Each structure stands twice: as C-alpha cells, then as structure tokens.
C-alpha cells in the first residue's frame, strides 16, 4: 500500500489509512510542535512514526481508517507486540512508542482521547548489553604517547603521566595526593593514596617524581601544583589530552588507569583479587570487567610478536 501523506490527497484507488479528521489532528499536532520550536528533524521523525502507525492500523491492526479517538488498550498492546517482533532495535521501538505516547497525550489534552489509553503505552526493556573490558592504550599507542610526553612535557607533567600509568590511580586520587603520601627511597618508591593501599613505583616513575620535587620544593602540601595552587582534576585531564594530541591518540586519565589494569592482569595471570586491591575496588565484580570481552572471560593478552611499548612498571616489579 502506498504510504498516506497527511499533507496531500490519498491515492484514488486505495482507501486512506486514516480519517480526514485524523489528518487534521496530525496537522494541528505538528503546528504546535513548530510553535514550540521543535527541531525539523524531530518533526520529520514524528511524521514518519505516525505514518508507520496508521499504515499498521489499517493493514494489520483493526483495519478501519485510523482516528486518534479510537486508540485503546488493545490497539496499543497489539502495536507494541508488532514492533517487538519486527526485528527493530529496542531503542527504535521505544522512539516510536514515545511518539505515540506524546501524540496521545496531546489528543487527550484536547478531549479527543481518554487517559487510560495513554497509561497503557509502555516502553520495551532494553536488551542487556554484554560487559566490555574497559579500553586502555595499545602497545603502539602507549609508545607514541610516552614518546611525546618524554620529549615535550615539563617535569610536573611527566611525573603526572608516569604516576597514573604505574599506579592506576583515579584522577581524583592523584590530585588529592600530599607530599607526605610519596616515599622516595634510594632503591624504591611508593605512593599511598589512602590508609590501605601502598603502590610501588618503578625507577622511571621515581626519577620523574624526584625531578618534579626538585622544582616544586620538598616541603609539605599538595604534591601536584599549578600556577594558582593545587592542581585540579580538570587540569590533569588537560595535561593528558595535550600529549595525546601530539601523539595522535585518544586517551584520558581513566584510559591510563585501564592501561595499568590490563598490563597488571597480563603479567599476573589474571589475578583479580590483587588488582582489586591496587585499584581500590570495593567489589570484585567491578574488577571482573577487565576480564570481560564480549561476554567471554580471560586475562588480556598481547598480539603474537607484540613487544611491550615501554618499560612502564606495574606493581609486582613487572617491566
């Protein structure tokens, strides 16, 4: 059947899927949307959803030309089931149902429809998504990123990046660090973000923190400072993005945390308990996401022949 255009005449040889009054109702609904400043794309989408509904109503539903006053619980349930079994994505189905509910609500407000029909228009449940492993940097991306950091970054920014990569700290934990939370020994170094965790640093991280402290001064107070005082989380985000642009990679402080987690699991045979302790997770289920790839579980592995991009050391002394 040729789709009915509410702005023109129905095909002469075929019965219209809606009544003349219904075409006028839709025109009034669209006019109100335009007065409210709705985007043309939204209005076009509503027109399309309306056409799809009245076509279904005339062909596979009750069969008579549609008018909004005839909308009832049974019709809504049948249309919802039609959409659910049509192979459409839940998001698409729900968009169509949202339109129907808004149109029905508009009609009810003008005395064209009883409220009960509106109440029966319920969205479908989304399909549960398989858990996906949080994405870190690949070896190649990590190599490019660190090359730009080491070439271009001042001491503070190098210390920030290496601390994030070697400890898996959240950015909020990084900016909360005080000078006394870092222990720089002659052969070892640790970062202590809370009373429970003590996170080791490699020689690379230790040297970069020493270089930063030589500029900052070794007195107490916030570990990382900007020109106007303690560094903020937004400032750390900008630091990471700056060197990502030079390296042509996409990453955030969270990406560096995920990179740390993947490297740790690969080096420690998927030891979730140890990783949960290092990341400060309260639930092991949160840590388990690092093992999940499209619903399957297993520690992250490197492609055959791939080398570690850079000697970024993770806890346990793994280079």
C-alpha atoms as a PDB file:
ATOM      1  CA  UNK A   1       0.000   0.000   0.000  1.00  0.00           C
ATOM      2  CA  UNK A   2       1.263   3.470  -0.852  1.00  0.00           C
ATOM      3  CA  UNK A   3       2.004   5.397   2.334  1.00  0.00           C
ATOM      4  CA  UNK A   4      -0.520   8.097   3.142  1.00  0.00           C
ATOM      5  CA  UNK A   5       0.753  11.663   3.076  1.00  0.00           C
ATOM      6  CA  UNK A   6      -1.238  13.812   5.512  1.00  0.00           C
ATOM      7  CA  UNK A   7      -0.223  16.869   3.517  1.00  0.00           C
ATOM      8  CA  UNK A   8      -1.772  15.672   0.257  1.00  0.00           C
ATOM      9  CA  UNK A   9      -4.563  13.568  -1.199  1.00  0.00           C
ATOM     10  CA  UNK A  10      -4.882   9.822  -0.707  1.00  0.00           C
ATOM     11  CA  UNK A  11      -4.380   7.579  -3.770  1.00  0.00           C
ATOM     12  CA  UNK A  12      -7.688   7.409  -5.614  1.00  0.00           C
ATOM     13  CA  UNK A  13      -7.676   3.621  -5.984  1.00  0.00           C
ATOM     14  CA  UNK A  14      -6.990   2.886  -2.319  1.00  0.00           C
ATOM     15  CA  UNK A  15      -8.684   3.683   0.956  1.00  0.00           C
ATOM     16  CA  UNK A  16      -6.853   6.154   3.166  1.00  0.00           C
ATOM     17  CA  UNK A  17      -5.341   4.612   6.332  1.00  0.00           C
ATOM     18  CA  UNK A  18      -6.776   7.492   8.399  1.00  0.00           C
ATOM     19  CA  UNK A  19      -9.892   9.616   8.514  1.00  0.00           C
ATOM     20  CA  UNK A  20      -9.942  13.228   7.286  1.00  0.00           C
ATOM     21  CA  UNK A  21     -10.346  14.354  10.908  1.00  0.00           C
ATOM     22  CA  UNK A  22      -7.218  12.412  11.868  1.00  0.00           C
ATOM     23  CA  UNK A  23      -5.211  14.137   9.142  1.00  0.00           C
ATOM     24  CA  UNK A  24      -6.340  17.473  10.599  1.00  0.00           C
ATOM     25  CA  UNK A  25      -5.431  16.317  14.120  1.00  0.00           C
ATOM     26  CA  UNK A  26      -1.916  15.475  12.984  1.00  0.00           C
ATOM     27  CA  UNK A  27      -1.623  18.834  11.241  1.00  0.00           C
ATOM     28  CA  UNK A  28      -2.595  20.604  14.474  1.00  0.00           C
ATOM     29  CA  UNK A  29      -0.118  18.482  16.460  1.00  0.00           C
ATOM     30  CA  UNK A  30       2.698  19.332  14.045  1.00  0.00           C
ATOM     31  CA  UNK A  31       1.774  23.026  14.105  1.00  0.00           C
ATOM     32  CA  UNK A  32       2.053  23.033  17.891  1.00  0.00           C
ATOM     33  CA  UNK A  33       5.460  21.358  17.708  1.00  0.00           C
ATOM     34  CA  UNK A  34       6.608  24.062  15.306  1.00  0.00           C
ATOM     35  CA  UNK A  35       5.322  26.802  17.609  1.00  0.00           C
ATOM     36  CA  UNK A  36       7.298  25.264  20.455  1.00  0.00           C
ATOM     37  CA  UNK A  37      10.455  25.388  18.355  1.00  0.00           C
ATOM     38  CA  UNK A  38      10.961  21.654  17.945  1.00  0.00           C
ATOM     39  CA  UNK A  39      13.738  20.774  15.506  1.00  0.00           C
ATOM     40  CA  UNK A  40      12.622  19.976  11.938  1.00  0.00           C
ATOM     41  CA  UNK A  41      14.375  16.616  12.267  1.00  0.00           C
ATOM     42  CA  UNK A  42      12.234  15.747  15.302  1.00  0.00           C
ATOM     43  CA  UNK A  43       9.047  16.748  13.499  1.00  0.00           C
ATOM     44  CA  UNK A  44      10.013  14.674  10.445  1.00  0.00           C
ATOM     45  CA  UNK A  45      10.657  11.720  12.743  1.00  0.00           C
ATOM     46  CA  UNK A  46       7.206  12.138  14.329  1.00  0.00           C
ATOM     47  CA  UNK A  47       5.549  12.300  10.899  1.00  0.00           C
ATOM     48  CA  UNK A  48       7.332   9.093   9.912  1.00  0.00           C
ATOM     49  CA  UNK A  49       6.319   7.349  13.143  1.00  0.00           C
ATOM     50  CA  UNK A  50       2.722   8.488  12.688  1.00  0.00           C
ATOM     51  CA  UNK A  51       2.645   7.169   9.096  1.00  0.00           C
ATOM     52  CA  UNK A  52       4.077   3.844  10.217  1.00  0.00           C
ATOM     53  CA  UNK A  53       1.445   3.510  12.926  1.00  0.00           C
ATOM     54  CA  UNK A  54      -1.578   4.375  10.763  1.00  0.00           C
ATOM     55  CA  UNK A  55      -0.325   2.065   7.991  1.00  0.00           C
ATOM     56  CA  UNK A  56      -0.091  -0.772  10.510  1.00  0.00           C
ATOM     57  CA  UNK A  57      -3.516   0.123  11.937  1.00  0.00           C
ATOM     58  CA  UNK A  58      -5.185  -0.029   8.506  1.00  0.00           C
ATOM     59  CA  UNK A  59      -3.393  -3.127   7.234  1.00  0.00           C
ATOM     60  CA  UNK A  60      -2.612  -5.380  10.198  1.00  0.00           C
ATOM     61  CA  UNK A  61      -4.445  -3.759  13.113  1.00  0.00           C
ATOM     62  CA  UNK A  62      -8.173  -3.157  13.490  1.00  0.00           C
ATOM     63  CA  UNK A  63      -8.403  -2.462   9.766  1.00  0.00           C
ATOM     64  CA  UNK A  64     -10.556   0.667   9.703  1.00  0.00           C
ATOM     65  CA  UNK A  65      -9.162   4.097   8.845  1.00  0.00           C
ATOM     66  CA  UNK A  66      -7.455   5.374  11.991  1.00  0.00           C
ATOM     67  CA  UNK A  67      -8.575   8.235  14.170  1.00  0.00           C
ATOM     68  CA  UNK A  68      -6.861   9.007  17.456  1.00  0.00           C
ATOM     69  CA  UNK A  69     -10.153   8.851  19.374  1.00  0.00           C
ATOM     70  CA  UNK A  70     -10.271   5.108  18.578  1.00  0.00           C
ATOM     71  CA  UNK A  71      -6.949   4.382  20.290  1.00  0.00           C
ATOM     72  CA  UNK A  72      -7.465   1.892  23.113  1.00  0.00           C
ATOM     73  CA  UNK A  73      -5.558  -0.549  25.327  1.00  0.00           C
ATOM     74  CA  UNK A  74      -5.902  -3.485  22.931  1.00  0.00           C
ATOM     75  CA  UNK A  75      -4.648  -1.488  19.961  1.00  0.00           C
ATOM     76  CA  UNK A  76      -1.662  -0.214  21.915  1.00  0.00           C
ATOM     77  CA  UNK A  77      -0.778  -3.745  23.097  1.00  0.00           C
ATOM     78  CA  UNK A  78      -1.070  -5.150  19.562  1.00  0.00           C
ATOM     79  CA  UNK A  79       1.101  -2.395  18.081  1.00  0.00           C
ATOM     80  CA  UNK A  80       3.712  -2.826  20.788  1.00  0.00           C
ATOM     81  CA  UNK A  81       3.859  -6.569  20.078  1.00  0.00           C
ATOM     82  CA  UNK A  82       4.083  -5.868  16.342  1.00  0.00           C
ATOM     83  CA  UNK A  83       7.093  -3.631  16.941  1.00  0.00           C
ATOM     84  CA  UNK A  84       8.682  -6.080  19.375  1.00  0.00           C
ATOM     85  CA  UNK A  85       8.584  -8.915  16.815  1.00  0.00           C
ATOM     86  CA  UNK A  86       9.602  -6.771  13.840  1.00  0.00           C
ATOM     87  CA  UNK A  87      13.356  -7.107  14.354  1.00  0.00           C
ATOM     88  CA  UNK A  88      13.819  -3.451  15.269  1.00  0.00           C
ATOM     89  CA  UNK A  89      16.255  -2.449  17.973  1.00  0.00           C
ATOM     90  CA  UNK A  90      14.723  -1.659  21.375  1.00  0.00           C
ATOM     91  CA  UNK A  91      15.871   1.959  21.037  1.00  0.00           C
ATOM     92  CA  UNK A  92      13.972   2.310  17.741  1.00  0.00           C
ATOM     93  CA  UNK A  93      10.877   0.630  19.169  1.00  0.00           C
ATOM     94  CA  UNK A  94      10.931   2.932  22.171  1.00  0.00           C
ATOM     95  CA  UNK A  95      11.299   6.011  19.978  1.00  0.00           C
ATOM     96  CA  UNK A  96       8.107   5.019  18.126  1.00  0.00           C
ATOM     97  CA  UNK A  97       6.275   4.338  21.384  1.00  0.00           C
ATOM     98  CA  UNK A  98       7.432   7.661  22.834  1.00  0.00           C
ATOM     99  CA  UNK A  99       5.975   9.435  19.801  1.00  0.00           C
ATOM    100  CA  UNK A 100       2.676   7.567  20.191  1.00  0.00           C
ATOM    101  CA  UNK A 101       2.504   8.470  23.869  1.00  0.00           C
ATOM    102  CA  UNK A 102       3.202  12.153  23.208  1.00  0.00           C
ATOM    103  CA  UNK A 103       0.666  12.287  20.404  1.00  0.00           C
ATOM    104  CA  UNK A 104      -1.930  10.501  22.538  1.00  0.00           C
ATOM    105  CA  UNK A 105      -1.225  12.851  25.444  1.00  0.00           C
ATOM    106  CA  UNK A 106      -1.706  15.841  23.152  1.00  0.00           C
ATOM    107  CA  UNK A 107      -5.007  14.380  21.924  1.00  0.00           C
ATOM    108  CA  UNK A 108      -6.174  13.626  25.457  1.00  0.00           C
ATOM    109  CA  UNK A 109      -5.487  17.230  26.451  1.00  0.00           C
ATOM    110  CA  UNK A 110      -7.930  18.337  23.747  1.00  0.00           C
ATOM    111  CA  UNK A 111     -10.648  15.911  24.765  1.00  0.00           C
ATOM    112  CA  UNK A 112     -10.042  13.598  21.808  1.00  0.00           C
ATOM    113  CA  UNK A 113      -8.903  10.577  23.809  1.00  0.00           C
ATOM    114  CA  UNK A 114      -9.433   9.052  27.237  1.00  0.00           C
ATOM    115  CA  UNK A 115      -6.440   8.911  29.565  1.00  0.00           C
ATOM    116  CA  UNK A 116      -6.403   5.124  30.037  1.00  0.00           C
ATOM    117  CA  UNK A 117      -5.034   4.520  26.546  1.00  0.00           C
ATOM    118  CA  UNK A 118      -2.060   6.746  27.324  1.00  0.00           C
ATOM    119  CA  UNK A 119      -1.273   4.846  30.515  1.00  0.00           C
ATOM    120  CA  UNK A 120      -1.037   1.579  28.557  1.00  0.00           C
ATOM    121  CA  UNK A 121       1.759   2.856  26.286  1.00  0.00           C
ATOM    122  CA  UNK A 122       4.855   1.400  27.911  1.00  0.00           C
ATOM    123  CA  UNK A 123       8.361   1.191  26.510  1.00  0.00           C
ATOM    124  CA  UNK A 124      10.090  -2.130  25.966  1.00  0.00           C
ATOM    125  CA  UNK A 125      13.003  -3.194  28.132  1.00  0.00           C
ATOM    126  CA  UNK A 126      16.430  -2.654  26.564  1.00  0.00           C
ATOM    127  CA  UNK A 127      18.426  -5.716  25.607  1.00  0.00           C
ATOM    128  CA  UNK A 128      21.079  -6.337  28.298  1.00  0.00           C
ATOM    129  CA  UNK A 129      24.490  -5.447  26.948  1.00  0.00           C
ATOM    130  CA  UNK A 130      27.366  -7.852  27.321  1.00  0.00           C
ATOM    131  CA  UNK A 131      30.023  -6.385  29.578  1.00  0.00           C
ATOM    132  CA  UNK A 132      33.013  -4.999  27.734  1.00  0.00           C
ATOM    133  CA  UNK A 133      36.510  -4.631  29.049  1.00  0.00           C
ATOM    134  CA  UNK A 134      37.441  -1.009  29.773  1.00  0.00           C
ATOM    135  CA  UNK A 135      39.709   0.111  26.953  1.00  0.00           C
ATOM    136  CA  UNK A 136      43.314   1.034  27.588  1.00  0.00           C
ATOM    137  CA  UNK A 137      46.040   2.085  25.190  1.00  0.00           C
ATOM    138  CA  UNK A 138      47.526  -0.438  22.801  1.00  0.00           C
ATOM    139  CA  UNK A 139      51.275  -1.008  22.875  1.00  0.00           C
ATOM    140  CA  UNK A 140      51.745   1.170  19.791  1.00  0.00           C
ATOM    141  CA  UNK A 141      49.585   3.957  21.211  1.00  0.00           C
ATOM    142  CA  UNK A 142      51.397   3.799  24.535  1.00  0.00           C
ATOM    143  CA  UNK A 143      54.771   4.010  22.812  1.00  0.00           C
ATOM    144  CA  UNK A 144      53.724   7.088  20.819  1.00  0.00           C
ATOM    145  CA  UNK A 145      52.106   8.744  23.816  1.00  0.00           C
ATOM    146  CA  UNK A 146      55.098   8.302  26.129  1.00  0.00           C
ATOM    147  CA  UNK A 147      57.496   9.410  23.417  1.00  0.00           C
ATOM    148  CA  UNK A 148      55.672  12.744  23.193  1.00  0.00           C
ATOM    149  CA  UNK A 149      55.443  13.073  26.980  1.00  0.00           C
ATOM    150  CA  UNK A 150      59.175  12.459  27.414  1.00  0.00           C
ATOM    151  CA  UNK A 151      60.088  14.806  24.553  1.00  0.00           C
ATOM    152  CA  UNK A 152      57.777  17.715  25.266  1.00  0.00           C
ATOM    153  CA  UNK A 153      56.477  17.645  28.836  1.00  0.00           C
ATOM    154  CA  UNK A 154      57.937  19.593  31.758  1.00  0.00           C
ATOM    155  CA  UNK A 155      58.900  17.699  34.902  1.00  0.00           C
ATOM    156  CA  UNK A 156      55.490  18.045  36.546  1.00  0.00           C
ATOM    157  CA  UNK A 157      53.559  16.650  33.583  1.00  0.00           C
ATOM    158  CA  UNK A 158      55.986  13.745  33.171  1.00  0.00           C
ATOM    159  CA  UNK A 159      55.542  12.916  36.851  1.00  0.00           C
ATOM    160  CA  UNK A 160      51.757  13.043  36.499  1.00  0.00           C
ATOM    161  CA  UNK A 161      51.650  10.716  33.493  1.00  0.00           C
ATOM    162  CA  UNK A 162      54.072   8.148  34.896  1.00  0.00           C
ATOM    163  CA  UNK A 163      52.365   8.142  38.282  1.00  0.00           C
ATOM    164  CA  UNK A 164      48.987   7.485  36.656  1.00  0.00           C
ATOM    165  CA  UNK A 165      50.369   4.719  34.456  1.00  0.00           C
ATOM    166  CA  UNK A 166      52.347   2.991  37.195  1.00  0.00           C
ATOM    167  CA  UNK A 167      49.759   3.132  39.975  1.00  0.00           C
ATOM    168  CA  UNK A 168      46.368   3.077  38.253  1.00  0.00           C
ATOM    169  CA  UNK A 169      45.215   5.959  40.438  1.00  0.00           C
ATOM    170  CA  UNK A 170      41.935   7.696  39.729  1.00  0.00           C
ATOM    171  CA  UNK A 171      42.433  11.313  38.752  1.00  0.00           C
ATOM    172  CA  UNK A 172      40.614  12.381  41.933  1.00  0.00           C
ATOM    173  CA  UNK A 173      43.120  10.375  43.982  1.00  0.00           C
ATOM    174  CA  UNK A 174      46.070  11.831  42.107  1.00  0.00           C
ATOM    175  CA  UNK A 175      45.104  15.452  42.758  1.00  0.00           C
ATOM    176  CA  UNK A 176      44.427  14.636  46.431  1.00  0.00           C
ATOM    177  CA  UNK A 177      47.985  13.366  46.990  1.00  0.00           C
ATOM    178  CA  UNK A 178      50.079  15.239  49.527  1.00  0.00           C
ATOM    179  CA  UNK A 179      53.878  15.337  49.541  1.00  0.00           C
ATOM    180  CA  UNK A 180      53.863  13.033  52.567  1.00  0.00           C
ATOM    181  CA  UNK A 181      51.920  10.401  50.572  1.00  0.00           C
ATOM    182  CA  UNK A 182      55.017   9.714  48.453  1.00  0.00           C
ATOM    183  CA  UNK A 183      58.011   7.836  49.824  1.00  0.00           C
ATOM    184  CA  UNK A 184      61.060   8.171  47.589  1.00  0.00           C
ATOM    185  CA  UNK A 185      63.783   5.848  48.797  1.00  0.00           C
ATOM    186  CA  UNK A 186      67.135   5.287  47.167  1.00  0.00           C
ATOM    187  CA  UNK A 187      66.022   1.999  45.583  1.00  0.00           C
ATOM    188  CA  UNK A 188      62.249   2.039  45.843  1.00  0.00           C
ATOM    189  CA  UNK A 189      59.305   4.400  45.918  1.00  0.00           C
ATOM    190  CA  UNK A 190      55.669   4.116  46.919  1.00  0.00           C
ATOM    191  CA  UNK A 191      52.547   6.207  46.587  1.00  0.00           C
ATOM    192  CA  UNK A 192      49.991   5.897  49.392  1.00  0.00           C
ATOM    193  CA  UNK A 193      46.620   7.347  48.329  1.00  0.00           C
ATOM    194  CA  UNK A 194      44.779   6.045  51.407  1.00  0.00           C
ATOM    195  CA  UNK A 195      45.324   4.093  54.618  1.00  0.00           C
ATOM    196  CA  UNK A 196      45.052   0.722  52.853  1.00  0.00           C
ATOM    197  CA  UNK A 197      46.978   0.968  49.601  1.00  0.00           C
ATOM    198  CA  UNK A 198      50.701   1.442  49.122  1.00  0.00           C
ATOM    199  CA  UNK A 199      51.524   1.445  45.412  1.00  0.00           C
ATOM    200  CA  UNK A 200      55.098   0.874  44.207  1.00  0.00           C
ATOM    201  CA  UNK A 201      56.748   2.984  41.528  1.00  0.00           C
ATOM    202  CA  UNK A 202      59.425   1.907  39.092  1.00  0.00           C
ATOM    203  CA  UNK A 203      62.762   3.605  38.650  1.00  0.00           C
ATOM    204  CA  UNK A 204      61.227   5.584  35.787  1.00  0.00           C
ATOM    205  CA  UNK A 205      58.446   6.927  37.971  1.00  0.00           C
ATOM    206  CA  UNK A 206      60.818   7.570  40.874  1.00  0.00           C
ATOM    207  CA  UNK A 207      63.169   9.654  38.723  1.00  0.00           C
ATOM    208  CA  UNK A 208      60.331  11.737  37.322  1.00  0.00           C
ATOM    209  CA  UNK A 209      58.882  12.454  40.741  1.00  0.00           C
ATOM    210  CA  UNK A 210      62.332  13.457  42.006  1.00  0.00           C
ATOM    211  CA  UNK A 211      62.722  15.829  39.059  1.00  0.00           C
ATOM    212  CA  UNK A 212      59.355  17.395  39.816  1.00  0.00           C
ATOM    213  CA  UNK A 213      60.093  17.749  43.525  1.00  0.00           C
ATOM    214  CA  UNK A 214      63.363  19.487  42.731  1.00  0.00           C
ATOM    215  CA  UNK A 215      61.268  22.193  41.030  1.00  0.00           C
ATOM    216  CA  UNK A 216      58.348  22.169  43.439  1.00  0.00           C
ATOM    217  CA  UNK A 217      60.390  22.014  46.591  1.00  0.00           C
ATOM    218  CA  UNK A 218      60.283  19.173  49.074  1.00  0.00           C
ATOM    219  CA  UNK A 219      58.020  20.815  51.632  1.00  0.00           C
ATOM    220  CA  UNK A 220      54.596  19.569  52.751  1.00  0.00           C
ATOM    221  CA  UNK A 221      51.352  20.284  50.943  1.00  0.00           C
ATOM    222  CA  UNK A 222      49.677  19.092  47.741  1.00  0.00           C
ATOM    223  CA  UNK A 223      52.027  17.017  45.608  1.00  0.00           C
ATOM    224  CA  UNK A 224      50.995  18.483  42.258  1.00  0.00           C
ATOM    225  CA  UNK A 225      50.665  22.242  41.938  1.00  0.00           C
ATOM    226  CA  UNK A 226      49.657  24.656  39.222  1.00  0.00           C
ATOM    227  CA  UNK A 227      50.300  28.369  38.938  1.00  0.00           C
ATOM    228  CA  UNK A 228      47.377  29.164  41.249  1.00  0.00           C
ATOM    229  CA  UNK A 229      47.625  26.381  43.781  1.00  0.00           C
ATOM    230  CA  UNK A 230      46.750  22.678  43.956  1.00  0.00           C
ATOM    231  CA  UNK A 231      46.184  21.033  40.593  1.00  0.00           C
ATOM    232  CA  UNK A 232      42.549  20.192  39.779  1.00  0.00           C
ATOM    233  CA  UNK A 233      41.105  17.106  38.101  1.00  0.00           C
ATOM    234  CA  UNK A 234      40.236  19.202  35.040  1.00  0.00           C
ATOM    235  CA  UNK A 235      43.831  20.390  34.816  1.00  0.00           C
ATOM    236  CA  UNK A 236      45.079  16.787  34.835  1.00  0.00           C
ATOM    237  CA  UNK A 237      42.577  15.947  32.089  1.00  0.00           C
ATOM    238  CA  UNK A 238      44.029  18.791  30.025  1.00  0.00           C
ATOM    239  CA  UNK A 239      47.583  17.601  30.635  1.00  0.00           C
ATOM    240  CA  UNK A 240      46.791  14.119  29.327  1.00  0.00           C
ATOM    241  CA  UNK A 241      44.815  15.410  26.342  1.00  0.00           C
ATOM    242  CA  UNK A 242      47.651  17.769  25.383  1.00  0.00           C
ATOM    243  CA  UNK A 243      50.172  14.989  24.807  1.00  0.00           C
ATOM    244  CA  UNK A 244      47.525  12.736  23.289  1.00  0.00           C
ATOM    245  CA  UNK A 245      47.062  15.341  20.572  1.00  0.00           C
ATOM    246  CA  UNK A 246      50.787  15.331  19.848  1.00  0.00           C
ATOM    247  CA  UNK A 247      50.769  11.516  19.744  1.00  0.00           C
ATOM    248  CA  UNK A 248      47.528  11.355  17.732  1.00  0.00           C
ATOM    249  CA  UNK A 249      45.867   9.008  20.210  1.00  0.00           C
ATOM    250  CA  UNK A 250      42.673   9.324  22.212  1.00  0.00           C
ATOM    251  CA  UNK A 251      43.009   8.867  25.953  1.00  0.00           C
ATOM    252  CA  UNK A 252      42.100  10.294  29.336  1.00  0.00           C
ATOM    253  CA  UNK A 253      43.425   9.707  32.851  1.00  0.00           C
ATOM    254  CA  UNK A 254      40.855   6.903  33.036  1.00  0.00           C
ATOM    255  CA  UNK A 255      42.397   5.313  29.940  1.00  0.00           C
ATOM    256  CA  UNK A 256      45.775   5.284  31.682  1.00  0.00           C
ATOM    257  CA  UNK A 257      44.142   3.533  34.653  1.00  0.00           C
ATOM    258  CA  UNK A 258      42.702   0.908  32.293  1.00  0.00           C
ATOM    259  CA  UNK A 259      46.112   0.510  30.631  1.00  0.00           C
ATOM    260  CA  UNK A 260      47.653  -0.150  34.037  1.00  0.00           C
ATOM    261  CA  UNK A 261      44.966  -2.728  34.884  1.00  0.00           C
ATOM    262  CA  UNK A 262      45.364  -4.622  31.608  1.00  0.00           C
ATOM    263  CA  UNK A 263      49.150  -4.722  31.974  1.00  0.00           C
ATOM    264  CA  UNK A 264      48.876  -5.980  35.545  1.00  0.00           C
ATOM    265  CA  UNK A 265      46.480  -8.800  34.637  1.00  0.00           C
ATOM    266  CA  UNK A 266      48.608  -9.855  31.684  1.00  0.00           C
ATOM    267  CA  UNK A 267      51.681 -10.011  33.925  1.00  0.00           C
ATOM    268  CA  UNK A 268      49.972 -11.719  36.875  1.00  0.00           C
ATOM    269  CA  UNK A 269      47.850 -14.424  35.225  1.00  0.00           C
ATOM    270  CA  UNK A 270      44.602 -12.553  35.692  1.00  0.00           C
ATOM    271  CA  UNK A 271      44.920 -12.062  39.464  1.00  0.00           C
ATOM    272  CA  UNK A 272      41.690 -10.159  40.089  1.00  0.00           C
ATOM    273  CA  UNK A 273      42.000 -10.013  43.860  1.00  0.00           C
ATOM    274  CA  UNK A 274      45.399  -8.324  43.730  1.00  0.00           C
ATOM    275  CA  UNK A 275      44.213  -5.914  41.040  1.00  0.00           C
ATOM    276  CA  UNK A 276      41.084  -5.026  43.024  1.00  0.00           C
ATOM    277  CA  UNK A 277      43.295  -4.138  45.990  1.00  0.00           C
ATOM    278  CA  UNK A 278      45.532  -1.947  43.848  1.00  0.00           C
ATOM    279  CA  UNK A 279      42.654  -0.150  42.128  1.00  0.00           C
ATOM    280  CA  UNK A 280      40.726   0.367  45.350  1.00  0.00           C
ATOM    281  CA  UNK A 281      37.627  -1.508  44.166  1.00  0.00           C
ATOM    282  CA  UNK A 282      35.111  -2.402  46.849  1.00  0.00           C
ATOM    283  CA  UNK A 283      33.532  -5.126  44.696  1.00  0.00           C
ATOM    284  CA  UNK A 284      35.373  -7.814  42.780  1.00  0.00           C
ATOM    285  CA  UNK A 285      32.620  -7.650  40.160  1.00  0.00           C
ATOM    286  CA  UNK A 286      33.869  -4.208  39.171  1.00  0.00           C
ATOM    287  CA  UNK A 287      37.369  -5.585  38.675  1.00  0.00           C
ATOM    288  CA  UNK A 288      35.996  -8.556  36.742  1.00  0.00           C
ATOM    289  CA  UNK A 289      35.053  -6.218  33.886  1.00  0.00           C
ATOM    290  CA  UNK A 290      38.743  -6.140  32.987  1.00  0.00           C
ATOM    291  CA  UNK A 291      38.446  -9.833  32.083  1.00  0.00           C
ATOM    292  CA  UNK A 292      35.293  -9.428  30.009  1.00  0.00           C
ATOM    293  CA  UNK A 293      35.430  -9.287  26.246  1.00  0.00           C
ATOM    294  CA  UNK A 294      32.024  -9.646  24.560  1.00  0.00           C
ATOM    295  CA  UNK A 295      30.825 -11.872  27.354  1.00  0.00           C
ATOM    296  CA  UNK A 296      33.875 -14.129  27.421  1.00  0.00           C
ATOM    297  CA  UNK A 297      36.426 -14.104  30.190  1.00  0.00           C
ATOM    298  CA  UNK A 298      40.160 -14.349  30.151  1.00  0.00           C
ATOM    299  CA  UNK A 299      43.150 -12.193  31.004  1.00  0.00           C
ATOM    300  CA  UNK A 300      44.113  -9.657  28.362  1.00  0.00           C
ATOM    301  CA  UNK A 301      46.830 -10.862  26.056  1.00  0.00           C
ATOM    302  CA  UNK A 302      49.151  -9.134  23.640  1.00  0.00           C
ATOM    303  CA  UNK A 303      49.106  -9.951  19.919  1.00  0.00           C
ATOM    304  CA  UNK A 304      51.643 -12.542  18.813  1.00  0.00           C
ATOM    305  CA  UNK A 305      55.056 -10.959  18.466  1.00  0.00           C
ATOM    306  CA  UNK A 306      53.995  -7.714  20.120  1.00  0.00           C
ATOM    307  CA  UNK A 307      56.541  -6.130  22.407  1.00  0.00           C
ATOM    308  CA  UNK A 308      55.864  -4.062  25.462  1.00  0.00           C
ATOM    309  CA  UNK A 309      55.774  -0.491  24.243  1.00  0.00           C
ATOM    310  CA  UNK A 310      57.882   0.919  27.021  1.00  0.00           C
ATOM    311  CA  UNK A 311      59.274  -0.226  30.371  1.00  0.00           C
ATOM    312  CA  UNK A 312      56.257   1.040  32.312  1.00  0.00           C
ATOM    313  CA  UNK A 313      56.426  -0.961  35.516  1.00  0.00           C
ATOM    314  CA  UNK A 314      53.284  -2.208  37.238  1.00  0.00           C
ATOM    315  CA  UNK A 315      53.087  -3.328  40.881  1.00  0.00           C
ATOM    316  CA  UNK A 316      54.973  -6.512  41.494  1.00  0.00           C
ATOM    317  CA  UNK A 317      58.061  -5.292  39.696  1.00  0.00           C
ATOM    318  CA  UNK A 318      56.927  -6.368  36.238  1.00  0.00           C
ATOM    319  CA  UNK A 319      58.532  -4.348  33.494  1.00  0.00           C
END
